[in-house]
Structures are given as C-alpha cells and as structure tokens.
Amino acid sequence: MESKRQIKYGKQLQKDIAEIFQKDPSYYFKSSLGTITGVSVSPDLGLARIQLSIFPITMADKVFEHLNDIKSEIRLKLGKKIGDRARIVPELAFFHDDTEEKASKIDGLINKLNIPPEEE
C-alpha cells in the first residue's frame, strides 16, 4: 500500500509529466493520443511507474518504444521542473494502461447478452 507521501508525490509527478507532454504531443506520441492515467512511486521515491492510455491501440507499441528511447530526455525535463522541490529525480518506467480496452470488451459482451433473440 502506498503512503500518503508516495500518493502526493505521484500526483505531482503526473501533473508535471503531463505538462511536458502537452508542450509537444506529436513528438512524444507520434500520430496518436496519449493520456497519463496514473503514476505510482516506489517507497524511496526513486522510481515512477507511469501508466499511459494510447489511442488508437494499434499505435501503442510504437509509442512505448519511442518513449523508452527518449526516457532520459523526459527525465531531464522533469528534473528541471521539480529540481527545487525534490531531492531525487525518479527513474521513469512507462506501462500501458489497458483498462479502457477491457471495459469496452466487457460492455460489448454485456450488450450482446441484452439483445433479444430474433423471431422466426
């Protein structure tokens, strides 16, 4: 379970990283849309796990590959933003948040169950 400190720091990191991404979204996400759905931080605040939702889903692999290639650049920009507030700039790890896709599949299954059978 995350401490209050981890949760608060994670929310602040989410805000700061979102601002970095908003400056040039086409550079970070190519021709797709990206949303930071959450940030969880390790107890020592040395690692930030960033959950991203990418649309369209078919572009997710390319986007994550690109983000991992420029991870140090993002971390540098983050360091400049939080340098006066934080002792350590956390390592960044990007993860795909597929909650929306799973919810959509479940909705589709439920809708299929609610369709009355065709009359003959």
PDB file of N, CA and C in Angstrom:
ATOM      1  N   MET A   1       0.839  -1.181   0.000  1.00  0.00           N
ATOM      2  CA  MET A   1       0.000   0.000   0.000  1.00  0.00           C
ATOM      3  C   MET A   1       0.883   1.243   0.000  1.00  0.00           C
ATOM      4  N   GLU A   2       0.503   2.187  -0.805  1.00  0.00           N
ATOM      5  CA  GLU A   2       1.280   3.416  -0.912  1.00  0.00           C
ATOM      6  C   GLU A   2       1.004   4.342   0.268  1.00  0.00           C
ATOM      7  N   SER A   3       2.047   5.027   0.702  1.00  0.00           N
ATOM      8  CA  SER A   3       1.898   6.001   1.781  1.00  0.00           C
ATOM      9  C   SER A   3       1.315   7.291   1.213  1.00  0.00           C
ATOM     10  N   LYS A   4       0.878   8.169   2.113  1.00  0.00           N
ATOM     11  CA  LYS A   4       0.351   9.468   1.680  1.00  0.00           C
ATOM     12  C   LYS A   4       1.415  10.246   0.913  1.00  0.00           C
ATOM     13  N   ARG A   5       2.634  10.122   1.360  1.00  0.00           N
ATOM     14  CA  ARG A   5       3.750  10.817   0.707  1.00  0.00           C
ATOM     15  C   ARG A   5       3.920  10.333  -0.737  1.00  0.00           C
ATOM     16  N   GLN A   6       3.871   9.010  -0.950  1.00  0.00           N
ATOM     17  CA  GLN A   6       4.003   8.449  -2.289  1.00  0.00           C
ATOM     18  C   GLN A   6       2.849   8.894  -3.187  1.00  0.00           C
ATOM     19  N   ILE A   7       1.654   8.884  -2.649  1.00  0.00           N
ATOM     20  CA  ILE A   7       0.476   9.278  -3.430  1.00  0.00           C
ATOM     21  C   ILE A   7       0.569  10.742  -3.830  1.00  0.00           C
ATOM     22  N   LYS A   8       0.916  11.584  -2.881  1.00  0.00           N
ATOM     23  CA  LYS A   8       1.031  13.020  -3.155  1.00  0.00           C
ATOM     24  C   LYS A   8       2.121  13.294  -4.182  1.00  0.00           C
ATOM     25  N   TYR A   9       3.275  12.652  -4.036  1.00  0.00           N
ATOM     26  CA  TYR A   9       4.376  12.825  -4.963  1.00  0.00           C
ATOM     27  C   TYR A   9       4.005  12.295  -6.349  1.00  0.00           C
ATOM     28  N   GLY A  10       3.297  11.171  -6.401  1.00  0.00           N
ATOM     29  CA  GLY A  10       2.850  10.607  -7.670  1.00  0.00           C
ATOM     30  C   GLY A  10       1.909  11.530  -8.416  1.00  0.00           C
ATOM     31  N   LYS A  11       0.991  12.151  -7.687  1.00  0.00           N
ATOM     32  CA  LYS A  11       0.064  13.099  -8.324  1.00  0.00           C
ATOM     33  C   LYS A  11       0.796  14.315  -8.868  1.00  0.00           C
ATOM     34  N   GLN A  12       1.788  14.790  -8.119  1.00  0.00           N
ATOM     35  CA  GLN A  12       2.564  15.936  -8.585  1.00  0.00           C
ATOM     36  C   GLN A  12       3.381  15.566  -9.826  1.00  0.00           C
ATOM     37  N   LEU A  13       3.974  14.379  -9.817  1.00  0.00           N
ATOM     38  CA  LEU A  13       4.722  13.915 -10.990  1.00  0.00           C
ATOM     39  C   LEU A  13       3.811  13.776 -12.206  1.00  0.00           C
ATOM     40  N   GLN A  14       2.599  13.263 -11.981  1.00  0.00           N
ATOM     41  CA  GLN A  14       1.644  13.111 -13.076  1.00  0.00           C
ATOM     42  C   GLN A  14       1.360  14.470 -13.713  1.00  0.00           C
ATOM     43  N   LYS A  15       1.156  15.472 -12.886  1.00  0.00           N
ATOM     44  CA  LYS A  15       0.889  16.826 -13.380  1.00  0.00           C
ATOM     45  C   LYS A  15       2.090  17.367 -14.160  1.00  0.00           C
ATOM     46  N   ASP A  16       3.286  17.197 -13.600  1.00  0.00           N
ATOM     47  CA  ASP A  16       4.492  17.727 -14.235  1.00  0.00           C
ATOM     48  C   ASP A  16       4.799  17.018 -15.559  1.00  0.00           C
ATOM     49  N   ILE A  17       4.654  15.710 -15.590  1.00  0.00           N
ATOM     50  CA  ILE A  17       4.924  14.961 -16.819  1.00  0.00           C
ATOM     51  C   ILE A  17       3.874  15.291 -17.873  1.00  0.00           C
ATOM     52  N   ALA A  18       2.631  15.474 -17.459  1.00  0.00           N
ATOM     53  CA  ALA A  18       1.571  15.862 -18.397  1.00  0.00           C
ATOM     54  C   ALA A  18       1.897  17.203 -19.041  1.00  0.00           C
ATOM     55  N   GLU A  19       2.427  18.135 -18.259  1.00  0.00           N
ATOM     56  CA  GLU A  19       2.810  19.445 -18.806  1.00  0.00           C
ATOM     57  C   GLU A  19       3.933  19.300 -19.833  1.00  0.00           C
ATOM     58  N   ILE A  20       4.869  18.406 -19.563  1.00  0.00           N
ATOM     59  CA  ILE A  20       5.957  18.160 -20.517  1.00  0.00           C
ATOM     60  C   ILE A  20       5.391  17.604 -21.823  1.00  0.00           C
ATOM     61  N   PHE A  21       4.501  16.629 -21.708  1.00  0.00           N
ATOM     62  CA  PHE A  21       3.904  16.011 -22.895  1.00  0.00           C
ATOM     63  C   PHE A  21       3.031  17.004 -23.665  1.00  0.00           C
ATOM     64  N   GLN A  22       2.377  17.918 -22.972  1.00  0.00           N
ATOM     65  CA  GLN A  22       1.479  18.872 -23.627  1.00  0.00           C
ATOM     66  C   GLN A  22       2.235  19.904 -24.461  1.00  0.00           C
ATOM     67  N   LYS A  23       3.491  20.133 -24.141  1.00  0.00           N
ATOM     68  CA  LYS A  23       4.271  21.117 -24.902  1.00  0.00           C
ATOM     69  C   LYS A  23       4.452  20.689 -26.357  1.00  0.00           C
ATOM     70  N   ASP A  24       4.632  19.386 -26.592  1.00  0.00           N
ATOM     71  CA  ASP A  24       4.830  18.883 -27.951  1.00  0.00           C
ATOM     72  C   ASP A  24       4.289  17.451 -28.057  1.00  0.00           C
ATOM     73  N   PRO A  25       2.966  17.282 -28.049  1.00  0.00           N
ATOM     74  CA  PRO A  25       2.389  15.934 -28.048  1.00  0.00           C
ATOM     75  C   PRO A  25       2.738  15.105 -29.281  1.00  0.00           C
ATOM     76  N   SER A  26       2.903  15.745 -30.430  1.00  0.00           N
ATOM     77  CA  SER A  26       3.223  14.977 -31.636  1.00  0.00           C
ATOM     78  C   SER A  26       4.626  14.370 -31.559  1.00  0.00           C
ATOM     79  N   TYR A  27       5.531  15.003 -30.810  1.00  0.00           N
ATOM     80  CA  TYR A  27       6.869  14.449 -30.628  1.00  0.00           C
ATOM     81  C   TYR A  27       6.828  13.215 -29.730  1.00  0.00           C
ATOM     82  N   TYR A  28       6.072  13.291 -28.662  1.00  0.00           N
ATOM     83  CA  TYR A  28       6.041  12.191 -27.699  1.00  0.00           C
ATOM     84  C   TYR A  28       5.137  11.038 -28.130  1.00  0.00           C
ATOM     85  N   PHE A  29       4.002  11.348 -28.739  1.00  0.00           N
ATOM     86  CA  PHE A  29       3.013  10.318 -29.051  1.00  0.00           C
ATOM     87  C   PHE A  29       2.838  10.052 -30.541  1.00  0.00           C
ATOM     88  N   LYS A  30       3.709  10.623 -31.364  1.00  0.00           N
ATOM     89  CA  LYS A  30       3.628  10.451 -32.817  1.00  0.00           C
ATOM     90  C   LYS A  30       2.261  10.907 -33.300  1.00  0.00           C
ATOM     91  N   SER A  31       1.570  10.076 -34.044  1.00  0.00           N
ATOM     92  CA  SER A  31       0.264  10.483 -34.591  1.00  0.00           C
ATOM     93  C   SER A  31      -0.895   9.917 -33.769  1.00  0.00           C
ATOM     94  N   SER A  32      -0.652   9.604 -32.515  1.00  0.00           N
ATOM     95  CA  SER A  32      -1.710   9.058 -31.663  1.00  0.00           C
ATOM     96  C   SER A  32      -1.953   9.989 -30.474  1.00  0.00           C
ATOM     97  N   LEU A  33      -2.926   9.632 -29.674  1.00  0.00           N
ATOM     98  CA  LEU A  33      -3.254  10.399 -28.477  1.00  0.00           C
ATOM     99  C   LEU A  33      -2.793   9.618 -27.249  1.00  0.00           C
ATOM    100  N   GLY A  34      -2.255  10.326 -26.287  1.00  0.00           N
ATOM    101  CA  GLY A  34      -1.809   9.674 -25.068  1.00  0.00           C
ATOM    102  C   GLY A  34      -2.351  10.379 -23.848  1.00  0.00           C
ATOM    103  N   THR A  35      -2.723   9.588 -22.847  1.00  0.00           N
ATOM    104  CA  THR A  35      -3.236  10.130 -21.597  1.00  0.00           C
ATOM    105  C   THR A  35      -2.519   9.441 -20.441  1.00  0.00           C
ATOM    106  N   ILE A  36      -2.044  10.228 -19.497  1.00  0.00           N
ATOM    107  CA  ILE A  36      -1.454   9.648 -18.293  1.00  0.00           C
ATOM    108  C   ILE A  36      -2.603   9.308 -17.357  1.00  0.00           C
ATOM    109  N   THR A  37      -2.788   8.032 -17.100  1.00  0.00           N
ATOM    110  CA  THR A  37      -3.907   7.606 -16.254  1.00  0.00           C
ATOM    111  C   THR A  37      -3.502   7.458 -14.798  1.00  0.00           C
ATOM    112  N   GLY A  38      -2.210   7.406 -14.533  1.00  0.00           N
ATOM    113  CA  GLY A  38      -1.771   7.303 -13.150  1.00  0.00           C
ATOM    114  C   GLY A  38      -0.262   7.221 -13.043  1.00  0.00           C
ATOM    115  N   VAL A  39       0.236   7.587 -11.877  1.00  0.00           N
ATOM    116  CA  VAL A  39       1.663   7.469 -11.582  1.00  0.00           C
ATOM    117  C   VAL A  39       1.787   6.899 -10.180  1.00  0.00           C
ATOM    118  N   SER A  40       2.507   5.804 -10.069  1.00  0.00           N
ATOM    119  CA  SER A  40       2.783   5.256  -8.741  1.00  0.00           C
ATOM    120  C   SER A  40       4.289   5.336  -8.516  1.00  0.00           C
ATOM    121  N   VAL A  41       4.657   5.594  -7.271  1.00  0.00           N
ATOM    122  CA  VAL A  41       6.046   5.859  -6.928  1.00  0.00           C
ATOM    123  C   VAL A  41       6.524   4.834  -5.912  1.00  0.00           C
ATOM    124  N   SER A  42       7.776   4.405  -6.048  1.00  0.00           N
ATOM    125  CA  SER A  42       8.351   3.456  -5.102  1.00  0.00           C
ATOM    126  C   SER A  42       8.515   4.125  -3.732  1.00  0.00           C
ATOM    127  N   PRO A  43       8.627   3.335  -2.674  1.00  0.00           N
ATOM    128  CA  PRO A  43       8.743   3.915  -1.325  1.00  0.00           C
ATOM    129  C   PRO A  43       9.919   4.888  -1.158  1.00  0.00           C
ATOM    130  N   ASP A  44      11.021   4.648  -1.877  1.00  0.00           N
ATOM    131  CA  ASP A  44      12.164   5.559  -1.760  1.00  0.00           C
ATOM    132  C   ASP A  44      12.080   6.726  -2.742  1.00  0.00           C
ATOM    133  N   LEU A  45      10.986   6.820  -3.493  1.00  0.00           N
ATOM    134  CA  LEU A  45      10.715   7.862  -4.489  1.00  0.00           C
ATOM    135  C   LEU A  45      11.723   7.853  -5.643  1.00  0.00           C
ATOM    136  N   GLY A  46      12.419   6.737  -5.808  1.00  0.00           N
ATOM    137  CA  GLY A  46      13.440   6.634  -6.842  1.00  0.00           C
ATOM    138  C   GLY A  46      12.942   6.093  -8.174  1.00  0.00           C
ATOM    139  N   LEU A  47      11.712   5.569  -8.209  1.00  0.00           N
ATOM    140  CA  LEU A  47      11.153   5.019  -9.444  1.00  0.00           C
ATOM    141  C   LEU A  47       9.701   5.449  -9.579  1.00  0.00           C
ATOM    142  N   ALA A  48       9.367   5.983 -10.733  1.00  0.00           N
ATOM    143  CA  ALA A  48       7.979   6.374 -11.025  1.00  0.00           C
ATOM    144  C   ALA A  48       7.453   5.475 -12.137  1.00  0.00           C
ATOM    145  N   ARG A  49       6.360   4.777 -11.847  1.00  0.00           N
ATOM    146  CA  ARG A  49       5.703   3.919 -12.842  1.00  0.00           C
ATOM    147  C   ARG A  49       4.551   4.723 -13.441  1.00  0.00           C
ATOM    148  N   ILE A  50       4.683   5.039 -14.716  1.00  0.00           N
ATOM    149  CA  ILE A  50       3.712   5.906 -15.382  1.00  0.00           C
ATOM    150  C   ILE A  50       2.806   5.053 -16.253  1.00  0.00           C
ATOM    151  N   GLN A  51       1.492   5.075 -15.949  1.00  0.00           N
ATOM    152  CA  GLN A  51       0.515   4.330 -16.740  1.00  0.00           C
ATOM    153  C   GLN A  51      -0.049   5.264 -17.807  1.00  0.00           C
ATOM    154  N   LEU A  52       0.018   4.805 -19.057  1.00  0.00           N
ATOM    155  CA  LEU A  52      -0.465   5.596 -20.178  1.00  0.00           C
ATOM    156  C   LEU A  52      -1.533   4.838 -20.945  1.00  0.00           C
ATOM    157  N   SER A  53      -2.524   5.567 -21.394  1.00  0.00           N
ATOM    158  CA  SER A  53      -3.539   5.029 -22.282  1.00  0.00           C
ATOM    159  C   SER A  53      -3.292   5.649 -23.651  1.00  0.00           C
ATOM    160  N   ILE A  54      -3.133   4.809 -24.662  1.00  0.00           N
ATOM    161  CA  ILE A  54      -2.811   5.273 -26.014  1.00  0.00           C
ATOM    162  C   ILE A  54      -3.979   4.968 -26.944  1.00  0.00           C
ATOM    163  N   PHE A  55      -4.326   5.948 -27.790  1.00  0.00           N
ATOM    164  CA  PHE A  55      -5.371   5.751 -28.796  1.00  0.00           C
ATOM    165  C   PHE A  55      -4.846   6.215 -30.138  1.00  0.00           C
ATOM    166  N   PRO A  56      -4.941   5.485 -31.188  1.00  0.00           N
ATOM    167  CA  PRO A  56      -5.504   4.143 -31.293  1.00  0.00           C
ATOM    168  C   PRO A  56      -4.550   3.099 -30.696  1.00  0.00           C
ATOM    169  N   ILE A  57      -5.125   2.037 -30.215  1.00  0.00           N
ATOM    170  CA  ILE A  57      -4.375   0.989 -29.527  1.00  0.00           C
ATOM    171  C   ILE A  57      -3.328   0.358 -30.431  1.00  0.00           C
ATOM    172  N   THR A  58      -3.562   0.379 -31.732  1.00  0.00           N
ATOM    173  CA  THR A  58      -2.609  -0.232 -32.668  1.00  0.00           C
ATOM    174  C   THR A  58      -1.268   0.489 -32.678  1.00  0.00           C
ATOM    175  N   MET A  59      -1.239   1.727 -32.230  1.00  0.00           N
ATOM    176  CA  MET A  59      -0.005   2.519 -32.199  1.00  0.00           C
ATOM    177  C   MET A  59       0.743   2.405 -30.868  1.00  0.00           C
ATOM    178  N   ALA A  60       0.172   1.711 -29.906  1.00  0.00           N
ATOM    179  CA  ALA A  60       0.741   1.673 -28.554  1.00  0.00           C
ATOM    180  C   ALA A  60       2.176   1.164 -28.531  1.00  0.00           C
ATOM    181  N   ASP A  61       2.463   0.083 -29.241  1.00  0.00           N
ATOM    182  CA  ASP A  61       3.818  -0.468 -29.208  1.00  0.00           C
ATOM    183  C   ASP A  61       4.847   0.537 -29.719  1.00  0.00           C
ATOM    184  N   LYS A  62       4.528   1.220 -30.813  1.00  0.00           N
ATOM    185  CA  LYS A  62       5.458   2.212 -31.367  1.00  0.00           C
ATOM    186  C   LYS A  62       5.650   3.377 -30.405  1.00  0.00           C
ATOM    187  N   VAL A  63       4.570   3.820 -29.782  1.00  0.00           N
ATOM    188  CA  VAL A  63       4.657   4.945 -28.843  1.00  0.00           C
ATOM    189  C   VAL A  63       5.514   4.574 -27.638  1.00  0.00           C
ATOM    190  N   PHE A  64       5.291   3.388 -27.076  1.00  0.00           N
ATOM    191  CA  PHE A  64       6.076   2.979 -25.906  1.00  0.00           C
ATOM    192  C   PHE A  64       7.543   2.768 -26.262  1.00  0.00           C
ATOM    193  N   GLU A  65       7.810   2.260 -27.444  1.00  0.00           N
ATOM    194  CA  GLU A  65       9.190   2.102 -27.893  1.00  0.00           C
ATOM    195  C   GLU A  65       9.861   3.476 -27.991  1.00  0.00           C
ATOM    196  N   HIS A  66       9.158   4.435 -28.561  1.00  0.00           N
ATOM    197  CA  HIS A  66       9.692   5.800 -28.691  1.00  0.00           C
ATOM    198  C   HIS A  66       9.908   6.438 -27.311  1.00  0.00           C
ATOM    199  N   LEU A  67       8.917   6.302 -26.425  1.00  0.00           N
ATOM    200  CA  LEU A  67       9.051   6.890 -25.085  1.00  0.00           C
ATOM    201  C   LEU A  67      10.224   6.278 -24.326  1.00  0.00           C
ATOM    202  N   ASN A  68      10.428   4.983 -24.476  1.00  0.00           N
ATOM    203  CA  ASN A  68      11.565   4.349 -23.806  1.00  0.00           C
ATOM    204  C   ASN A  68      12.889   4.809 -24.404  1.00  0.00           C
ATOM    205  N   ASP A  69      12.905   5.115 -25.697  1.00  0.00           N
ATOM    206  CA  ASP A  69      14.123   5.622 -26.333  1.00  0.00           C
ATOM    207  C   ASP A  69      14.483   7.017 -25.833  1.00  0.00           C
ATOM    208  N   ILE A  70      13.472   7.840 -25.539  1.00  0.00           N
ATOM    209  CA  ILE A  70      13.734   9.228 -25.110  1.00  0.00           C
ATOM    210  C   ILE A  70      13.485   9.425 -23.608  1.00  0.00           C
ATOM    211  N   LYS A  71      13.492   8.338 -22.879  1.00  0.00           N
ATOM    212  CA  LYS A  71      13.228   8.385 -21.432  1.00  0.00           C
ATOM    213  C   LYS A  71      14.172   9.332 -20.696  1.00  0.00           C
ATOM    214  N   SER A  72      15.444   9.320 -21.054  1.00  0.00           N
ATOM    215  CA  SER A  72      16.410  10.186 -20.364  1.00  0.00           C
ATOM    216  C   SER A  72      16.133  11.662 -20.648  1.00  0.00           C
ATOM    217  N   GLU A  73      15.673  11.963 -21.865  1.00  0.00           N
ATOM    218  CA  GLU A  73      15.319  13.338 -22.210  1.00  0.00           C
ATOM    219  C   GLU A  73      14.111  13.812 -21.386  1.00  0.00           C
ATOM    220  N   ILE A  74      13.124  12.946 -21.237  1.00  0.00           N
ATOM    221  CA  ILE A  74      11.935  13.278 -20.439  1.00  0.00           C
ATOM    222  C   ILE A  74      12.333  13.473 -18.975  1.00  0.00           C
ATOM    223  N   ARG A  75      13.208  12.609 -18.488  1.00  0.00           N
ATOM    224  CA  ARG A  75      13.662  12.697 -17.100  1.00  0.00           C
ATOM    225  C   ARG A  75      14.433  13.996 -16.863  1.00  0.00           C
ATOM    226  N   LEU A  76      15.230  14.414 -17.840  1.00  0.00           N
ATOM    227  CA  LEU A  76      15.963  15.667 -17.736  1.00  0.00           C
ATOM    228  C   LEU A  76      15.005  16.853 -17.638  1.00  0.00           C
ATOM    229  N   LYS A  77      13.994  16.864 -18.494  1.00  0.00           N
ATOM    230  CA  LYS A  77      12.995  17.943 -18.456  1.00  0.00           C
ATOM    231  C   LYS A  77      12.236  17.925 -17.137  1.00  0.00           C
ATOM    232  N   LEU A  78      11.926  16.724 -16.644  1.00  0.00           N
ATOM    233  CA  LEU A  78      11.244  16.601 -15.360  1.00  0.00           C
ATOM    234  C   LEU A  78      12.138  17.137 -14.242  1.00  0.00           C
ATOM    235  N   GLY A  79      13.422  16.827 -14.309  1.00  0.00           N
ATOM    236  CA  GLY A  79      14.374  17.310 -13.305  1.00  0.00           C
ATOM    237  C   GLY A  79      14.427  18.830 -13.244  1.00  0.00           C
ATOM    238  N   LYS A  80      14.356  19.473 -14.409  1.00  0.00           N
ATOM    239  CA  LYS A  80      14.356  20.941 -14.430  1.00  0.00           C
ATOM    240  C   LYS A  80      13.079  21.501 -13.806  1.00  0.00           C
ATOM    241  N   LYS A  81      11.961  20.768 -13.969  1.00  0.00           N
ATOM    242  CA  LYS A  81      10.692  21.220 -13.400  1.00  0.00           C
ATOM    243  C   LYS A  81      10.642  21.052 -11.888  1.00  0.00           C
ATOM    244  N   ILE A  82      11.138  19.925 -11.394  1.00  0.00           N
ATOM    245  CA  ILE A  82      10.982  19.612  -9.971  1.00  0.00           C
ATOM    246  C   ILE A  82      12.259  19.787  -9.169  1.00  0.00           C
ATOM    247  N   GLY A  83      13.311  20.282  -9.797  1.00  0.00           N
ATOM    248  CA  GLY A  83      14.616  20.394  -9.139  1.00  0.00           C
ATOM    249  C   GLY A  83      14.607  21.139  -7.829  1.00  0.00           C
ATOM    250  N   ASP A  84      13.777  22.171  -7.716  1.00  0.00           N
ATOM    251  CA  ASP A  84      13.737  22.946  -6.477  1.00  0.00           C
ATOM    252  C   ASP A  84      12.833  22.316  -5.421  1.00  0.00           C
ATOM    253  N   ARG A  85      12.036  21.318  -5.802  1.00  0.00           N
ATOM    254  CA  ARG A  85      11.088  20.708  -4.872  1.00  0.00           C
ATOM    255  C   ARG A  85      11.465  19.297  -4.450  1.00  0.00           C
ATOM    256  N   ALA A  86      12.340  18.642  -5.214  1.00  0.00           N
ATOM    257  CA  ALA A  86      12.637  17.235  -4.938  1.00  0.00           C
ATOM    258  C   ALA A  86      14.137  17.005  -4.846  1.00  0.00           C
ATOM    259  N   ARG A  87      14.497  16.098  -3.978  1.00  0.00           N
ATOM    260  CA  ARG A  87      15.906  15.756  -3.798  1.00  0.00           C
ATOM    261  C   ARG A  87      16.382  14.843  -4.928  1.00  0.00           C
ATOM    262  N   ILE A  88      15.532  13.899  -5.336  1.00  0.00           N
ATOM    263  CA  ILE A  88      15.891  12.950  -6.383  1.00  0.00           C
ATOM    264  C   ILE A  88      14.892  13.077  -7.526  1.00  0.00           C
ATOM    265  N   VAL A  89      15.383  12.953  -8.746  1.00  0.00           N
ATOM    266  CA  VAL A  89      14.502  12.853  -9.906  1.00  0.00           C
ATOM    267  C   VAL A  89      14.343  11.356 -10.157  1.00  0.00           C
ATOM    268  N   PRO A  90      13.128  10.833 -10.071  1.00  0.00           N
ATOM    269  CA  PRO A  90      12.946   9.387 -10.174  1.00  0.00           C
ATOM    270  C   PRO A  90      13.234   8.849 -11.577  1.00  0.00           C
ATOM    271  N   GLU A  91      13.647   7.589 -11.615  1.00  0.00           N
ATOM    272  CA  GLU A  91      13.744   6.870 -12.882  1.00  0.00           C
ATOM    273  C   GLU A  91      12.310   6.708 -13.393  1.00  0.00           C
ATOM    274  N   LEU A  92      12.139   6.695 -14.702  1.00  0.00           N
ATOM    275  CA  LEU A  92      10.805   6.598 -15.270  1.00  0.00           C
ATOM    276  C   LEU A  92      10.611   5.238 -15.927  1.00  0.00           C
ATOM    277  N   ALA A  93       9.448   4.656 -15.701  1.00  0.00           N
ATOM    278  CA  ALA A  93       9.076   3.401 -16.349  1.00  0.00           C
ATOM    279  C   ALA A  93       7.661   3.576 -16.897  1.00  0.00           C
ATOM    280  N   PHE A  94       7.492   3.333 -18.189  1.00  0.00           N
ATOM    281  CA  PHE A  94       6.203   3.528 -18.846  1.00  0.00           C
ATOM    282  C   PHE A  94       5.484   2.199 -19.006  1.00  0.00           C
ATOM    283  N   PHE A  95       4.191   2.196 -18.640  1.00  0.00           N
ATOM    284  CA  PHE A  95       3.366   0.997 -18.743  1.00  0.00           C
ATOM    285  C   PHE A  95       2.064   1.322 -19.451  1.00  0.00           C
ATOM    286  N   HIS A  96       1.564   0.345 -20.172  1.00  0.00           N
ATOM    287  CA  HIS A  96       0.310   0.527 -20.903  1.00  0.00           C
ATOM    288  C   HIS A  96      -0.862   0.267 -19.966  1.00  0.00           C
ATOM    289  N   ASP A  97      -1.769   1.212 -19.867  1.00  0.00           N
ATOM    290  CA  ASP A  97      -2.981   1.056 -19.075  1.00  0.00           C
ATOM    291  C   ASP A  97      -4.103   0.657 -20.026  1.00  0.00           C
ATOM    292  N   ASP A  98      -4.465  -0.605 -19.991  1.00  0.00           N
ATOM    293  CA  ASP A  98      -5.472  -1.109 -20.925  1.00  0.00           C
ATOM    294  C   ASP A  98      -6.850  -1.236 -20.280  1.00  0.00           C
ATOM    295  N   THR A  99      -7.089  -0.488 -19.244  1.00  0.00           N
ATOM    296  CA  THR A  99      -8.375  -0.533 -18.549  1.00  0.00           C
ATOM    297  C   THR A  99      -9.532  -0.187 -19.484  1.00  0.00           C
ATOM    298  N   GLU A 100      -9.342   0.844 -20.301  1.00  0.00           N
ATOM    299  CA  GLU A 100     -10.401   1.263 -21.229  1.00  0.00           C
ATOM    300  C   GLU A 100     -10.741   0.157 -22.225  1.00  0.00           C
ATOM    301  N   GLU A 101      -9.712  -0.503 -22.758  1.00  0.00           N
ATOM    302  CA  GLU A 101      -9.960  -1.571 -23.723  1.00  0.00           C
ATOM    303  C   GLU A 101     -10.723  -2.731 -23.074  1.00  0.00           C
ATOM    304  N   LYS A 102     -10.322  -3.080 -21.853  1.00  0.00           N
ATOM    305  CA  LYS A 102     -11.007  -4.162 -21.144  1.00  0.00           C
ATOM    306  C   LYS A 102     -12.458  -3.786 -20.856  1.00  0.00           C
ATOM    307  N   ALA A 103     -12.679  -2.544 -20.433  1.00  0.00           N
ATOM    308  CA  ALA A 103     -14.041  -2.078 -20.147  1.00  0.00           C
ATOM    309  C   ALA A 103     -14.894  -2.112 -21.414  1.00  0.00           C
ATOM    310  N   SER A 104     -14.309  -1.732 -22.524  1.00  0.00           N
ATOM    311  CA  SER A 104     -15.032  -1.735 -23.796  1.00  0.00           C
ATOM    312  C   SER A 104     -15.428  -3.156 -24.192  1.00  0.00           C
ATOM    313  N   LYS A 105     -14.523  -4.106 -24.012  1.00  0.00           N
ATOM    314  CA  LYS A 105     -14.828  -5.507 -24.325  1.00  0.00           C
ATOM    315  C   LYS A 105     -15.955  -6.029 -23.441  1.00  0.00           C
ATOM    316  N   ILE A 106     -15.900  -5.694 -22.162  1.00  0.00           N
ATOM    317  CA  ILE A 106     -16.938  -6.146 -21.232  1.00  0.00           C
ATOM    318  C   ILE A 106     -18.283  -5.525 -21.600  1.00  0.00           C
ATOM    319  N   ASP A 107     -18.285  -4.226 -21.941  1.00  0.00           N
ATOM    320  CA  ASP A 107     -19.526  -3.578 -22.382  1.00  0.00           C
ATOM    321  C   ASP A 107     -20.099  -4.270 -23.609  1.00  0.00           C
ATOM    322  N   GLY A 108     -19.231  -4.625 -24.545  1.00  0.00           N
ATOM    323  CA  GLY A 108     -19.685  -5.320 -25.750  1.00  0.00           C
ATOM    324  C   GLY A 108     -20.312  -6.662 -25.430  1.00  0.00           C
ATOM    325  N   LEU A 109     -19.704  -7.386 -24.509  1.00  0.00           N
ATOM    326  CA  LEU A 109     -20.248  -8.690 -24.107  1.00  0.00           C
ATOM    327  C   LEU A 109     -21.602  -8.528 -23.413  1.00  0.00           C
ATOM    328  N   ILE A 110     -21.714  -7.529 -22.561  1.00  0.00           N
ATOM    329  CA  ILE A 110     -22.976  -7.289 -21.861  1.00  0.00           C
ATOM    330  C   ILE A 110     -24.063  -6.893 -22.849  1.00  0.00           C
ATOM    331  N   ASN A 111     -23.702  -6.058 -23.808  1.00  0.00           N
ATOM    332  CA  ASN A 111     -24.683  -5.654 -24.827  1.00  0.00           C
ATOM    333  C   ASN A 111     -25.166  -6.844 -25.646  1.00  0.00           C
ATOM    334  N   LYS A 112     -24.287  -7.787 -25.923  1.00  0.00           N
ATOM    335  CA  LYS A 112     -24.687  -8.991 -26.659  1.00  0.00           C
ATOM    336  C   LYS A 112     -25.679  -9.819 -25.852  1.00  0.00           C
ATOM    337  N   LEU A 113     -25.486  -9.847 -24.548  1.00  0.00           N
ATOM    338  CA  LEU A 113     -26.392 -10.611 -23.694  1.00  0.00           C
ATOM    339  C   LEU A 113     -27.771  -9.976 -23.613  1.00  0.00           C
ATOM    340  N   ASN A 114     -27.858  -8.667 -23.738  1.00  0.00           N
ATOM    341  CA  ASN A 114     -29.137  -7.954 -23.624  1.00  0.00           C
ATOM    342  C   ASN A 114     -29.941  -7.926 -24.907  1.00  0.00           C
ATOM    343  N   ILE A 115     -29.376  -8.389 -26.015  1.00  0.00           N
ATOM    344  CA  ILE A 115     -30.096  -8.375 -27.281  1.00  0.00           C
ATOM    345  C   ILE A 115     -31.105  -9.534 -27.286  1.00  0.00           C
ATOM    346  N   PRO A 116     -32.394  -9.222 -27.502  1.00  0.00           N
ATOM    347  CA  PRO A 116     -33.358 -10.313 -27.521  1.00  0.00           C
ATOM    348  C   PRO A 116     -33.153 -11.176 -28.767  1.00  0.00           C
ATOM    349  N   PRO A 117     -33.464 -12.472 -28.662  1.00  0.00           N
ATOM    350  CA  PRO A 117     -33.266 -13.361 -29.813  1.00  0.00           C
ATOM    351  C   PRO A 117     -34.222 -12.950 -30.965  1.00  0.00           C
ATOM    352  N   GLU A 118     -33.742 -13.194 -32.180  1.00  0.00           N
ATOM    353  CA  GLU A 118     -34.565 -12.853 -33.347  1.00  0.00           C
ATOM    354  C   GLU A 118     -35.738 -13.800 -33.453  1.00  0.00           C
ATOM    355  N   GLU A 119     -36.872 -13.226 -33.876  1.00  0.00           N
ATOM    356  CA  GLU A 119     -38.083 -14.047 -34.054  1.00  0.00           C
ATOM    357  C   GLU A 119     -38.023 -14.699 -35.417  1.00  0.00           C
ATOM    358  N   GLU A 120     -38.532 -15.914 -35.495  1.00  0.00           N
ATOM    359  CA  GLU A 120     -38.525 -16.632 -36.762  1.00  0.00           C
ATOM    360  C   GLU A 120     -39.818 -16.493 -37.497  1.00  0.00           C
TER     361      GLU A 120
END
